[in-house]
Amino acid sequence: MRSGVKAGIIGGVCAAMLGGAGYGAYNILSALSGDGGTGGSAAVRTGPPSRDEVKDTTGRFFAAWQKGDAATAASYTDFPESARELLTAYRSDAHLTAVRITPGAATGTTVPFTVRTTVSYKGRSQPLSYRSTLTVVRGQTSHRALVDWQPSVVHPQLRKGDTLATGESAAPEIEAVDRDGRVLTKEKYPSLGPVLDELRKRYGDTTGGRPGVELVIRHQGTAGEAPADTTLLTLAKGRPGRLRTTLSASAQAAAETAVRKYPDASVAAVQPSTGEILAVANHREDGFDAALLGERPPGSTMKIISAAALIDTGLTSANGKAPCPPSAVWQSQTFHNLKNLPPNENATLSESFARSCNTAFVKFADDLGVDALTEEAQDRFGLGRDDWRIGVPSFDGRVPASGGPDTAANLIGQGQVQMSPLNMASVTATATTGAFRQPVIVPLSLDHREPARARGLSQSTVQQLRAMMNRTATSGTAAGVMSGLGGNIGAKTGSAESDGQAKSDSWFAGYRNDVAAAAMVQDGGHGVDAAGPIVASVLRTTG
């Protein structure tokens, strides 16, 4: 581990503790001297820092930062070790000089500010300007007014473990193009930023380009290799190499527009006949690529896999019995359906699927057993084996063989099941074709990757799944959202509660002709409330 990284992680925890400490009423405490109280007293302040303290602390911190005196600047923070390391790198590694900081009007203890500096490297210079904020807190033991240290104080895009560096880029720039040769840029398609950075890191050296000189954020990896650098400024352009992807510019544009309508929204679309990824889009303040890397319970969209398992094990069929009682108990846990869903003891699997009846699936938990759902997900849908090689990092889904109440909960996409939108788009694609084709964003031939494999589904199971998904899209829970879409269509709605949240995540998976898509909106409510309109928008443009 790089020197100081562990300290930085610990420092983030300490900063959180110190940031919340001492926030209460303003008091002056009398500290008696050790001679039995006959001596003088020392004033010790508690509570939030005053306006004058905020101004004094930030003034001293900014002055030291501007001078390049990392040690002194760090001494005005509540975690000086981590602050000193990053502020030292700011000058020595990032080559940022002539720093000028202009504070804005404080709001309580929070101060916005503008940084104007110059990047100078081997005879090349370029100005850089950006805005950030800091908060002043009361030190828990020192009682001093201190800057609440976060890497984002130095630059708003820095996160814990990140650092800044200027030099020749680790890999040449790429000119990524879509399946039809149209250029894909971060400016036009913001969601592709992390994807394009990763493609550059992995394939830049193979495209015939020449490295440039850049100021970058170097990210700390949580496990295995570190994420790709994020370029902040280019001092000297290299020569980009051309890289063809499987993406569709029109599908990507539709996906970008659709997710912007909802906070914390993500969507992925694939071509079922090939497994090629057509679009990946996110709308999140944290910049996380949840479309590819998200790990959330998928709710009732999981019933696509559960229904396949029931059919493949011979427990029932699309037209076979799957009663929908008002509630179902499995190992002392009671499961219910959505409000206003009338029970039907004579329901078929197709009807219970289309109406998204939870209890119908829970009732099969005992007969299906602990392992069957996991085996179905792995052996037929290619999930949960950590072997997808799509061309950039991705999560491959998780369907553990869970005992206890989770055996039933997993069947309805709760319990310990976790998926990303790309996982559910792939599930939808497998359900419509019968073949598992591992999603890819660049051709396998580019670096001779070996794809994940699974045996897929029988044509009988496929016909039944398509019929149930079509029923859901035309007369079931997804009918309103899918209305107006022509061609061969199908869908499944879902909602899932996670981490005790008050509002459920919204999930939706659907297909139209040779396009399958899935979306997830955290805290979005029912599937038709948020995720459904996103998927429908993508299918309307591309299907």
Protein backbone atom coordinates (compact mmCIF):
# COMPACT_ATOMS: atom_id res chain seq x y z
CA MET A 1 0.00 0.00 0.00
CA ARG A 2 1.31 3.44 -0.95
CA SER A 3 2.71 5.43 1.97
CA GLY A 4 0.02 7.53 3.57
CA VAL A 5 -2.93 5.81 1.90
CA LYS A 6 -3.91 3.94 5.04
CA ALA A 7 -3.54 7.14 7.03
CA GLY A 8 -5.77 8.92 4.56
CA ILE A 9 -8.49 6.31 4.98
CA ILE A 10 -8.30 6.49 8.74
CA GLY A 11 -8.19 10.26 8.48
CA GLY A 12 -11.49 10.29 6.62
CA VAL A 13 -13.09 8.48 9.54
CA CYS A 14 -11.45 10.79 12.06
CA ALA A 15 -12.55 13.83 10.09
CA ALA A 16 -16.14 12.63 10.21
CA MET A 17 -15.91 12.13 13.96
CA LEU A 18 -14.28 15.48 14.55
CA GLY A 19 -16.63 17.23 12.15
CA GLY A 20 -19.60 16.25 14.30
CA ALA A 21 -17.90 16.86 17.61
CA GLY A 22 -18.50 19.94 19.71
CA TYR A 23 -21.63 21.08 17.85
CA GLY A 24 -23.82 22.30 20.66
CA ALA A 25 -24.39 25.39 22.70
CA TYR A 26 -21.57 27.92 22.88
CA ASN A 27 -19.91 27.79 26.30
CA ILE A 28 -16.86 29.13 28.13
CA LEU A 29 -15.48 26.52 30.49
CA SER A 30 -13.32 27.47 33.46
CA ALA A 31 -10.32 25.26 33.84
CA LEU A 32 -8.98 25.41 37.38
CA SER A 33 -5.24 25.33 37.87
CA GLY A 34 -3.59 22.46 39.67
CA ASP A 35 -3.01 24.39 42.93
CA GLY A 36 -6.46 23.67 44.32
CA GLY A 37 -8.28 26.42 42.43
CA THR A 38 -6.43 29.45 43.71
CA GLY A 39 -4.80 30.17 40.38
CA GLY A 40 -6.18 31.73 37.18
CA SER A 41 -8.46 30.10 34.63
CA ALA A 42 -8.09 29.39 30.91
CA ALA A 43 -10.96 30.02 28.51
CA VAL A 44 -11.85 26.95 26.42
CA ARG A 45 -14.36 27.35 23.63
CA THR A 46 -16.92 24.75 22.61
CA GLY A 47 -19.74 24.71 20.09
CA PRO A 48 -19.62 25.77 16.44
CA PRO A 49 -16.82 28.16 15.49
CA SER A 50 -17.80 31.83 15.43
CA ARG A 51 -17.75 34.00 12.32
CA ASP A 52 -14.42 35.51 13.34
CA GLU A 53 -12.92 32.06 13.97
CA VAL A 54 -14.09 30.85 10.55
CA LYS A 55 -12.55 33.89 8.89
CA ASP A 56 -9.28 33.58 10.81
CA THR A 57 -8.85 29.83 10.23
CA THR A 58 -9.65 29.93 6.53
CA GLY A 59 -7.46 32.98 6.03
CA ARG A 60 -4.46 31.25 7.59
CA PHE A 61 -5.17 27.99 5.75
CA PHE A 62 -5.50 29.72 2.36
CA ALA A 63 -2.39 31.84 2.94
CA ALA A 64 -0.22 28.80 3.68
CA TRP A 65 -1.68 26.86 0.76
CA GLN A 66 -0.93 29.74 -1.60
CA LYS A 67 2.71 29.85 -0.40
CA GLY A 68 3.11 26.12 -0.98
CA ASP A 69 3.68 25.57 2.75
CA ALA A 70 1.88 22.23 3.03
CA ALA A 71 2.87 21.56 6.64
CA THR A 72 1.55 24.89 7.91
CA ALA A 73 -1.66 24.67 5.88
CA ALA A 74 -2.22 21.14 7.15
CA SER A 75 -1.83 22.32 10.75
CA TYR A 76 -5.07 24.27 10.35
CA THR A 77 -7.01 21.07 9.55
CA ASP A 78 -8.43 18.38 11.80
CA PHE A 79 -6.35 15.67 10.10
CA PRO A 80 -2.97 17.20 9.34
CA GLU A 81 -1.19 14.01 8.21
CA SER A 82 -3.58 13.36 5.32
CA ALA A 83 -3.83 17.06 4.47
CA ARG A 84 -0.06 17.49 4.35
CA GLU A 85 0.37 14.53 2.00
CA LEU A 86 -2.17 15.79 -0.52
CA LEU A 87 -1.11 19.45 -0.33
CA THR A 88 2.51 18.40 -0.85
CA ALA A 89 1.52 16.39 -3.94
CA TYR A 90 -0.40 19.43 -5.18
CA ARG A 91 2.87 21.24 -5.77
CA SER A 92 5.46 18.48 -6.17
CA ASP A 93 3.52 15.89 -8.21
CA ALA A 94 0.81 17.97 -9.88
CA HIS A 95 3.20 20.91 -10.50
CA LEU A 96 0.55 23.48 -9.57
CA THR A 97 2.10 26.87 -8.85
CA ALA A 98 1.13 30.56 -8.54
CA VAL A 99 -1.90 29.61 -6.48
CA ARG A 100 -4.43 32.37 -5.79
CA ILE A 101 -7.47 31.62 -3.63
CA THR A 102 -10.49 33.91 -3.40
CA PRO A 103 -12.98 33.08 -0.64
CA GLY A 104 -16.67 33.74 -1.13
CA ALA A 105 -19.30 34.68 1.44
CA ALA A 106 -19.52 32.15 4.26
CA THR A 107 -22.77 30.38 5.03
CA GLY A 108 -22.44 29.59 8.70
CA THR A 109 -19.22 27.58 8.95
CA THR A 110 -19.09 26.66 5.25
CA VAL A 111 -16.93 28.75 2.95
CA PRO A 112 -16.97 28.57 -0.87
CA PHE A 113 -13.81 29.61 -2.67
CA THR A 114 -12.23 29.88 -6.09
CA VAL A 115 -8.74 28.62 -6.91
CA ARG A 116 -6.71 30.06 -9.77
CA THR A 117 -3.40 28.36 -10.42
CA THR A 118 -0.96 27.38 -13.16
CA VAL A 119 0.13 23.92 -14.24
CA SER A 120 3.80 24.05 -15.20
CA TYR A 121 5.63 20.99 -16.51
CA LYS A 122 8.84 20.77 -18.55
CA GLY A 123 8.50 24.15 -20.18
CA ARG A 124 4.75 23.94 -20.73
CA SER A 125 2.27 26.00 -18.70
CA GLN A 126 -1.47 26.37 -18.65
CA PRO A 127 -3.87 28.15 -16.28
CA LEU A 128 -6.42 26.21 -14.25
CA SER A 129 -9.41 27.58 -12.34
CA TYR A 130 -12.01 25.77 -10.27
CA ARG A 131 -14.38 26.20 -7.31
CA SER A 132 -14.62 24.22 -4.09
CA THR A 133 -15.90 24.55 -0.52
CA LEU A 134 -14.69 23.79 2.98
CA THR A 135 -16.26 23.66 6.43
CA VAL A 136 -14.70 24.81 9.69
CA VAL A 137 -15.34 22.67 12.78
CA ARG A 138 -14.35 22.64 16.42
CA GLY A 139 -11.50 20.26 17.27
CA GLN A 140 -12.69 17.68 19.78
CA THR A 141 -9.60 17.79 21.98
CA SER A 142 -7.83 20.99 20.91
CA HIS A 143 -11.04 23.07 20.87
CA ARG A 144 -9.47 25.02 18.00
CA ALA A 145 -11.38 26.08 14.91
CA LEU A 146 -10.07 23.75 12.17
CA VAL A 147 -10.76 22.99 8.52
CA ASP A 148 -12.78 19.77 8.30
CA TRP A 149 -10.34 17.89 6.10
CA GLN A 150 -11.68 16.23 2.97
CA PRO A 151 -9.73 15.66 -0.27
CA SER A 152 -12.47 17.63 -2.07
CA VAL A 153 -11.17 20.76 -0.33
CA VAL A 154 -8.16 20.64 -2.67
CA HIS A 155 -10.25 19.85 -5.76
CA PRO A 156 -13.99 19.06 -5.89
CA GLN A 157 -13.45 15.84 -7.87
CA LEU A 158 -11.00 14.32 -5.39
CA ARG A 159 -12.23 11.47 -3.21
CA LYS A 160 -10.63 9.54 -0.37
CA GLY A 161 -7.36 7.95 -1.48
CA ASP A 162 -7.07 10.10 -4.66
CA THR A 163 -4.10 12.28 -5.54
CA LEU A 164 -3.08 14.70 -8.30
CA ALA A 165 -0.24 14.26 -10.77
CA THR A 166 1.05 15.90 -13.95
CA GLY A 167 3.14 14.10 -16.53
CA GLU A 168 3.03 12.02 -19.66
CA SER A 169 -0.27 10.18 -19.76
CA ALA A 170 -0.28 6.53 -18.78
CA ALA A 171 -1.90 5.66 -22.10
CA PRO A 172 -2.52 7.56 -25.34
CA GLU A 173 -5.86 9.26 -25.82
CA ILE A 174 -8.45 7.32 -27.76
CA GLU A 175 -11.05 8.42 -30.25
CA ALA A 176 -13.86 6.06 -29.31
CA VAL A 177 -16.46 5.53 -32.01
CA ASP A 178 -19.79 3.74 -31.99
CA ARG A 179 -20.81 0.75 -34.07
CA ASP A 180 -21.40 3.07 -37.07
CA GLY A 181 -18.19 5.08 -36.73
CA ARG A 182 -19.71 8.09 -34.93
CA VAL A 183 -17.35 9.69 -32.40
CA LEU A 184 -18.26 9.32 -28.71
CA THR A 185 -17.07 12.04 -26.33
CA LYS A 186 -17.56 12.78 -22.64
CA GLU A 187 -18.85 16.22 -23.53
CA LYS A 188 -21.69 14.90 -25.69
CA TYR A 189 -22.35 11.75 -23.62
CA PRO A 190 -21.44 12.55 -19.98
CA SER A 191 -22.32 9.07 -18.70
CA LEU A 192 -19.57 7.58 -20.82
CA GLY A 193 -16.84 9.46 -18.93
CA PRO A 194 -15.78 6.55 -16.67
CA VAL A 195 -16.21 4.06 -19.53
CA LEU A 196 -14.05 6.07 -21.94
CA ASP A 197 -11.39 6.57 -19.24
CA GLU A 198 -11.28 2.82 -18.64
CA LEU A 199 -11.19 2.00 -22.34
CA ARG A 200 -8.28 4.39 -22.76
CA LYS A 201 -6.42 2.78 -19.86
CA ARG A 202 -6.96 -0.75 -21.19
CA TYR A 203 -6.67 -0.26 -24.94
CA GLY A 204 -4.92 3.08 -25.52
CA ASP A 205 -1.57 1.39 -26.16
CA THR A 206 -3.09 -0.88 -28.81
CA THR A 207 -4.70 1.83 -30.95
CA GLY A 208 -1.55 3.43 -32.40
CA GLY A 209 -1.91 6.70 -30.53
CA ARG A 210 0.78 8.83 -28.88
CA PRO A 211 0.61 9.92 -25.18
CA GLY A 212 0.13 13.56 -24.25
CA VAL A 213 1.00 15.52 -21.10
CA GLU A 214 -1.86 15.83 -18.63
CA LEU A 215 -2.93 16.81 -15.13
CA VAL A 216 -4.87 13.83 -13.79
CA ILE A 217 -6.58 12.47 -10.72
CA ARG A 218 -5.05 9.14 -9.79
CA HIS A 219 -7.59 7.00 -8.01
CA GLN A 220 -6.99 4.45 -5.30
CA GLY A 221 -8.29 0.99 -6.12
CA THR A 222 -10.39 -0.81 -3.53
CA ALA A 223 -9.29 -4.24 -4.73
CA GLY A 224 -7.12 -5.39 -7.59
CA GLU A 225 -6.11 -2.81 -10.19
CA ALA A 226 -6.76 0.89 -9.65
CA PRO A 227 -9.46 2.68 -11.68
CA ALA A 228 -8.40 4.66 -14.74
CA ASP A 229 -7.01 8.16 -14.24
CA THR A 230 -9.40 11.11 -14.67
CA THR A 231 -7.96 13.85 -16.87
CA LEU A 232 -8.46 17.39 -15.57
CA LEU A 233 -6.34 19.33 -18.05
CA THR A 234 -4.21 18.62 -21.12
CA LEU A 235 -0.94 20.54 -21.44
CA ALA A 236 0.21 18.87 -24.63
CA LYS A 237 -2.03 16.86 -26.87
CA GLY A 238 -0.95 13.45 -27.97
CA ARG A 239 -2.29 11.65 -31.01
CA PRO A 240 -5.45 9.71 -30.23
CA GLY A 241 -5.91 6.19 -31.53
CA ARG A 242 -9.25 5.09 -32.93
CA LEU A 243 -11.20 2.50 -30.92
CA ARG A 244 -14.44 0.98 -32.18
CA THR A 245 -17.05 0.07 -29.56
CA THR A 246 -20.36 -1.77 -29.71
CA LEU A 247 -22.26 1.30 -28.50
CA SER A 248 -24.93 3.04 -30.55
CA ALA A 249 -24.76 6.84 -30.50
CA SER A 250 -28.53 7.12 -30.99
CA ALA A 251 -29.25 4.64 -28.19
CA GLN A 252 -26.73 6.38 -25.93
CA ALA A 253 -28.32 9.77 -26.61
CA ALA A 254 -31.76 8.38 -25.75
CA ALA A 255 -30.43 6.79 -22.57
CA GLU A 256 -28.69 10.01 -21.47
CA THR A 257 -31.87 12.02 -21.98
CA ALA A 258 -34.03 9.46 -20.18
CA VAL A 259 -31.95 9.17 -16.99
CA ARG A 260 -31.65 12.94 -16.58
CA LYS A 261 -35.33 13.04 -15.63
CA TYR A 262 -34.71 11.14 -12.37
CA PRO A 263 -32.07 11.40 -9.63
CA ASP A 264 -29.88 8.33 -9.02
CA ALA A 265 -31.03 6.69 -12.25
CA SER A 266 -29.15 4.13 -14.35
CA VAL A 267 -29.93 2.18 -17.51
CA ALA A 268 -28.20 -0.32 -19.80
CA ALA A 269 -29.27 -1.68 -23.19
CA VAL A 270 -27.96 -4.69 -25.11
CA GLN A 271 -28.60 -6.40 -28.43
CA PRO A 272 -29.92 -9.90 -27.57
CA SER A 273 -28.75 -11.47 -30.85
CA THR A 274 -25.10 -10.57 -30.17
CA GLY A 275 -24.72 -9.50 -26.52
CA GLU A 276 -23.30 -6.18 -27.70
CA ILE A 277 -23.90 -3.27 -25.32
CA LEU A 278 -25.77 -0.45 -27.05
CA ALA A 279 -26.00 2.12 -24.25
CA VAL A 280 -24.92 2.75 -20.66
CA ALA A 281 -26.16 5.84 -18.83
CA ASN A 282 -26.25 7.18 -15.27
CA HIS A 283 -27.55 10.31 -13.58
CA ARG A 284 -25.90 10.43 -10.17
CA GLU A 285 -24.19 13.13 -8.15
CA ASP A 286 -21.51 10.71 -6.95
CA GLY A 287 -20.42 9.81 -10.50
CA PHE A 288 -20.72 6.07 -9.77
CA ASP A 289 -21.35 3.86 -12.80
CA ALA A 290 -24.28 1.98 -11.26
CA ALA A 291 -25.41 0.74 -14.69
CA LEU A 292 -22.36 -1.54 -14.86
CA LEU A 293 -21.21 -1.80 -11.25
CA GLY A 294 -24.37 -1.38 -9.16
CA GLU A 295 -25.21 -4.03 -6.60
CA ARG A 296 -28.86 -3.68 -5.59
CA PRO A 297 -31.79 -6.08 -5.00
CA PRO A 298 -33.68 -6.14 -8.33
CA GLY A 299 -37.15 -6.71 -6.90
CA SER A 300 -39.70 -8.44 -9.07
CA THR A 301 -37.60 -8.24 -12.24
CA MET A 302 -35.90 -11.24 -10.62
CA LYS A 303 -39.10 -13.19 -11.32
CA ILE A 304 -37.85 -13.67 -14.88
CA ILE A 305 -35.17 -16.00 -13.49
CA SER A 306 -37.49 -17.42 -10.80
CA ALA A 307 -40.16 -18.27 -13.38
CA ALA A 308 -37.54 -19.95 -15.55
CA ALA A 309 -36.41 -22.02 -12.55
CA LEU A 310 -39.98 -23.11 -11.80
CA ILE A 311 -40.49 -24.14 -15.43
CA ASP A 312 -37.11 -25.86 -15.82
CA THR A 313 -37.54 -27.88 -12.59
CA GLY A 314 -41.05 -28.96 -13.67
CA LEU A 315 -42.80 -27.40 -10.69
CA THR A 316 -45.22 -25.52 -12.93
CA SER A 317 -45.55 -23.88 -16.35
CA ALA A 318 -46.81 -20.63 -17.78
CA ASN A 319 -50.33 -22.06 -17.90
CA GLY A 320 -49.85 -24.16 -14.78
CA LYS A 321 -51.03 -23.32 -11.28
CA ALA A 322 -49.39 -20.54 -9.26
CA PRO A 323 -52.03 -19.40 -6.74
CA CYS A 324 -51.84 -15.81 -5.49
CA PRO A 325 -52.99 -15.67 -1.84
CA PRO A 326 -53.04 -12.35 0.05
CA SER A 327 -50.04 -13.42 2.15
CA ALA A 328 -47.55 -16.27 2.43
CA VAL A 329 -45.39 -17.38 5.36
CA TRP A 330 -41.96 -18.92 4.92
CA GLN A 331 -39.93 -19.84 8.00
CA SER A 332 -41.72 -17.35 10.25
CA GLN A 333 -41.46 -14.46 7.77
CA THR A 334 -44.71 -13.17 6.24
CA PHE A 335 -44.68 -11.92 2.66
CA HIS A 336 -47.35 -9.68 1.14
CA ASN A 337 -48.30 -8.39 -2.27
CA LEU A 338 -48.57 -4.81 -3.42
CA LYS A 339 -51.58 -2.93 -2.14
CA ASN A 340 -54.82 -3.29 -4.11
CA LEU A 341 -53.73 -6.58 -5.70
CA PRO A 342 -56.72 -8.91 -5.27
CA PRO A 343 -55.88 -12.54 -4.37
CA ASN A 344 -56.57 -15.34 -6.83
CA GLU A 345 -56.27 -18.91 -5.63
CA ASN A 346 -56.79 -20.17 -9.19
CA ALA A 347 -54.11 -18.04 -10.84
CA THR A 348 -51.68 -19.45 -13.38
CA LEU A 349 -47.97 -18.66 -13.37
CA SER A 350 -48.53 -16.35 -16.35
CA GLU A 351 -51.20 -14.38 -14.50
CA SER A 352 -49.20 -14.16 -11.26
CA PHE A 353 -46.14 -13.06 -13.25
CA ALA A 354 -48.04 -10.39 -15.18
CA ARG A 355 -49.66 -9.03 -12.00
CA SER A 356 -46.36 -9.34 -10.09
CA CYS A 357 -47.78 -11.48 -7.31
CA ASN A 358 -45.09 -12.06 -4.67
CA THR A 359 -46.91 -14.74 -2.70
CA ALA A 360 -47.29 -16.98 -5.76
CA PHE A 361 -43.50 -17.29 -6.00
CA VAL A 362 -42.90 -17.49 -2.25
CA LYS A 363 -45.24 -20.50 -2.06
CA PHE A 364 -42.81 -22.46 -4.27
CA ALA A 365 -39.79 -21.88 -1.97
CA ASP A 366 -40.11 -25.21 -0.19
CA ASP A 367 -40.45 -27.27 -3.37
CA LEU A 368 -37.73 -25.36 -5.23
CA GLY A 369 -35.16 -25.70 -2.45
CA VAL A 370 -32.12 -23.66 -1.53
CA ASP A 371 -29.85 -24.27 -4.55
CA ALA A 372 -32.16 -24.29 -7.57
CA LEU A 373 -32.39 -20.52 -8.07
CA THR A 374 -28.61 -20.13 -7.80
CA GLU A 375 -28.06 -22.93 -10.32
CA GLU A 376 -30.59 -21.40 -12.72
CA ALA A 377 -28.90 -17.99 -12.51
CA GLN A 378 -25.41 -19.38 -13.00
CA ASP A 379 -25.90 -22.26 -15.43
CA ARG A 380 -28.56 -20.76 -17.69
CA PHE A 381 -28.25 -16.96 -17.33
CA GLY A 382 -24.45 -16.73 -16.82
CA LEU A 383 -24.71 -14.77 -13.56
CA GLY A 384 -22.83 -14.78 -10.27
CA ARG A 385 -19.56 -16.47 -11.24
CA ASP A 386 -17.38 -13.35 -11.49
CA ASP A 387 -16.24 -14.19 -15.02
CA TRP A 388 -17.76 -11.54 -17.28
CA ARG A 389 -15.16 -9.83 -19.47
CA ILE A 390 -17.09 -7.03 -21.13
CA GLY A 391 -14.05 -4.79 -21.79
CA VAL A 392 -14.41 -2.55 -18.71
CA PRO A 393 -15.07 -3.41 -15.04
CA SER A 394 -18.55 -4.77 -14.35
CA PHE A 395 -20.53 -6.58 -11.67
CA ASP A 396 -21.75 -10.02 -12.72
CA GLY A 397 -24.72 -10.36 -10.37
CA ARG A 398 -25.09 -12.30 -7.15
CA VAL A 399 -27.67 -15.03 -6.45
CA PRO A 400 -26.40 -16.93 -3.41
CA ALA A 401 -27.89 -20.18 -2.16
CA SER A 402 -29.44 -18.61 0.92
CA GLY A 403 -31.13 -20.54 3.67
CA GLY A 404 -33.81 -19.35 6.06
CA PRO A 405 -36.29 -16.63 5.02
CA ASP A 406 -33.92 -15.48 2.25
CA THR A 407 -34.70 -18.65 0.28
CA ALA A 408 -38.17 -17.20 -0.34
CA ALA A 409 -37.07 -13.56 -0.46
CA ASN A 410 -34.53 -14.29 -3.21
CA LEU A 411 -37.33 -15.53 -5.47
CA ILE A 412 -38.87 -12.05 -5.53
CA GLY A 413 -35.58 -10.19 -5.88
CA GLN A 414 -35.07 -9.33 -2.24
CA GLY A 415 -33.01 -11.23 0.34
CA GLN A 416 -29.40 -11.51 -0.75
CA VAL A 417 -29.87 -11.21 -4.51
CA GLN A 418 -28.02 -8.27 -6.08
CA MET A 419 -27.97 -7.06 -9.67
CA SER A 420 -26.97 -4.14 -11.87
CA PRO A 421 -29.07 -2.79 -14.75
CA LEU A 422 -26.64 -4.46 -17.17
CA ASN A 423 -27.23 -7.80 -15.42
CA MET A 424 -30.99 -7.47 -15.83
CA ALA A 425 -30.68 -6.32 -19.44
CA SER A 426 -28.67 -9.50 -20.07
CA VAL A 427 -31.27 -11.60 -18.23
CA THR A 428 -33.96 -10.11 -20.46
CA ALA A 429 -31.87 -10.83 -23.56
CA THR A 430 -31.35 -14.46 -22.51
CA ALA A 431 -35.07 -14.85 -21.82
CA THR A 432 -35.97 -13.63 -25.30
CA THR A 433 -33.43 -15.67 -27.30
CA GLY A 434 -32.64 -18.66 -25.06
CA ALA A 435 -28.90 -18.07 -25.53
CA PHE A 436 -26.67 -16.40 -22.95
CA ARG A 437 -24.36 -14.06 -24.78
CA GLN A 438 -22.04 -12.30 -22.38
CA PRO A 439 -22.38 -8.53 -22.84
CA VAL A 440 -19.41 -6.77 -24.46
CA ILE A 441 -18.60 -3.11 -25.05
CA VAL A 442 -15.60 -3.75 -27.32
CA PRO A 443 -15.13 -6.83 -29.51
CA LEU A 444 -13.68 -9.92 -27.82
CA SER A 445 -11.18 -10.14 -30.66
CA LEU A 446 -9.59 -6.83 -29.62
CA ASP A 447 -7.65 -8.47 -26.80
CA HIS A 448 -8.66 -12.13 -27.22
CA ARG A 449 -10.82 -12.14 -24.09
CA GLU A 450 -12.53 -15.40 -23.20
CA PRO A 451 -16.21 -14.68 -22.53
CA ALA A 452 -18.33 -16.17 -19.78
CA ARG A 453 -20.48 -19.05 -20.97
CA ALA A 454 -23.76 -20.65 -19.90
CA ARG A 455 -25.99 -23.26 -21.46
CA GLY A 456 -29.00 -21.00 -21.79
CA LEU A 457 -32.67 -21.99 -21.92
CA SER A 458 -34.71 -24.52 -23.85
CA GLN A 459 -36.99 -23.21 -26.57
CA SER A 460 -39.99 -24.33 -24.55
CA THR A 461 -38.90 -22.19 -21.58
CA VAL A 462 -38.13 -19.26 -23.89
CA GLN A 463 -41.59 -19.42 -25.49
CA GLN A 464 -43.24 -19.39 -22.08
CA LEU A 465 -41.10 -16.53 -20.74
CA ARG A 466 -41.73 -14.43 -23.85
CA ALA A 467 -45.46 -15.05 -23.58
CA MET A 468 -45.48 -14.02 -19.90
CA MET A 469 -43.37 -10.92 -20.50
CA ASN A 470 -45.54 -9.95 -23.47
CA ARG A 471 -48.64 -10.34 -21.30
CA THR A 472 -47.05 -8.11 -18.66
CA ALA A 473 -46.28 -5.47 -21.31
CA THR A 474 -49.71 -5.54 -22.96
CA SER A 475 -52.17 -6.18 -20.12
CA GLY A 476 -50.16 -6.51 -16.91
CA THR A 477 -48.27 -4.15 -14.60
CA ALA A 478 -46.13 -2.74 -17.44
CA ALA A 479 -48.97 -2.06 -19.89
CA GLY A 480 -49.21 1.67 -19.24
CA VAL A 481 -45.50 2.28 -19.68
CA MET A 482 -45.12 0.08 -22.78
CA SER A 483 -48.24 1.46 -24.45
CA GLY A 484 -47.62 2.65 -27.99
CA LEU A 485 -44.53 0.51 -28.58
CA GLY A 486 -44.94 -1.63 -31.65
CA GLY A 487 -43.14 -4.80 -32.68
CA ASN A 488 -42.29 -7.76 -30.48
CA ILE A 489 -42.38 -6.45 -26.90
CA GLY A 490 -42.19 -7.75 -23.34
CA ALA A 491 -41.43 -6.42 -19.88
CA LYS A 492 -41.25 -7.01 -16.14
CA THR A 493 -41.74 -4.42 -13.41
CA GLY A 494 -40.03 -4.44 -10.03
CA SER A 495 -39.52 -2.55 -6.80
CA ALA A 496 -37.11 -3.42 -4.02
CA GLU A 497 -36.44 -2.16 -0.54
CA SER A 498 -32.79 -1.93 0.44
CA ASP A 499 -31.00 -1.00 3.67
CA GLY A 500 -34.21 -0.09 5.46
CA GLN A 501 -34.94 2.80 3.07
CA ALA A 502 -38.35 4.44 3.32
CA LYS A 503 -38.97 4.34 -0.44
CA SER A 504 -38.25 1.37 -2.66
CA ASP A 505 -35.89 1.27 -5.63
CA SER A 506 -37.68 1.34 -8.97
CA TRP A 507 -36.72 -1.45 -11.42
CA PHE A 508 -37.89 -2.27 -14.93
CA ALA A 509 -36.71 -4.69 -17.61
CA GLY A 510 -38.08 -4.81 -21.13
CA TYR A 511 -37.41 -5.70 -24.74
CA ARG A 512 -38.55 -4.61 -28.15
CA ASN A 513 -37.45 -6.60 -31.18
CA ASP A 514 -33.64 -6.94 -30.95
CA VAL A 515 -33.07 -4.55 -28.03
CA ALA A 516 -33.26 -5.43 -24.33
CA ALA A 517 -32.91 -2.80 -21.62
CA ALA A 518 -33.13 -2.52 -17.84
CA ALA A 519 -33.14 0.48 -15.53
CA MET A 520 -32.91 1.15 -11.81
CA VAL A 521 -33.75 4.36 -9.94
CA GLN A 522 -32.78 4.41 -6.27
CA ASP A 523 -35.69 5.54 -4.09
CA GLY A 524 -37.74 5.76 -7.28
CA GLY A 525 -40.81 3.87 -6.03
CA HIS A 526 -42.66 1.31 -8.13
CA GLY A 527 -41.22 0.03 -11.39
CA VAL A 528 -43.63 2.05 -13.52
CA ASP A 529 -42.93 5.25 -11.61
CA ALA A 530 -39.37 5.91 -12.76
CA ALA A 531 -37.40 2.97 -14.22
CA GLY A 532 -40.24 2.03 -16.59
CA PRO A 533 -40.36 5.35 -18.45
CA ILE A 534 -36.56 5.25 -18.85
CA VAL A 535 -36.60 1.80 -20.45
CA ALA A 536 -39.58 2.69 -22.64
CA SER A 537 -37.77 5.80 -23.91
CA VAL A 538 -34.72 3.76 -24.88
CA LEU A 539 -36.80 1.06 -26.56
CA ARG A 540 -38.88 3.65 -28.40
CA THR A 541 -35.73 5.11 -29.96
CA THR A 542 -33.82 1.93 -30.67
CA GLY A 543 -36.14 -1.06 -30.77
